[in-house]
Amino acid sequence: MFYGHVVRALGDPQRTLAAYEHALSLAPDDPSLLNMTGVALLEAGRPDEAIEFFAAAGRIDASFLHARINLGLVAQSQERWAEAADLFASALAANPAFGHYDWNAHVEIDYFRATHFETPFGYHGLGYHLAYARMRAGQLGA
């Protein structure tokens, strides 16, 4: 999986996807690998294919919240605002720490982010995406 992270950081979506798919051939039930394959697909502009990988990661490990967040990002990218807001809100309810921010550094407190890179580049934190999806769905203040 580390090689997949490296080529992803280099901006090579085809090699990234190939690396994660190879890792999945060795560990097909690894939720982190399923999630990262979904991230690679999402970043390659293939969100419909990404959904099945995020959903599989969540089925295998319901506590793997980044798969739920990523499903929300797919829904957001497809302008399914209410669904995105529901997914983000359920992830926040499952781990309220995702809603806490270090305002000095303006970063979301996600203790796993440094080692797992579990969301697509351009992810701005759960609070931002939840508020944006609620606004677009007409649920602001919900």
Foldseek 3Di string as FASTA:
>chain_A
DVVLVVVVVVVDLVVNLVVLVVVCVVVVQALLSLLSNLLSCVVVVNNVVSLVSLVSSCVSPVLPLLSLQQNLVSCVVVLVLVSSLVSLVVSCVSPVQLVDADVVVQARPDPCCVPRVRHHPPDRGSVVSNQVSCVSVVNHVD
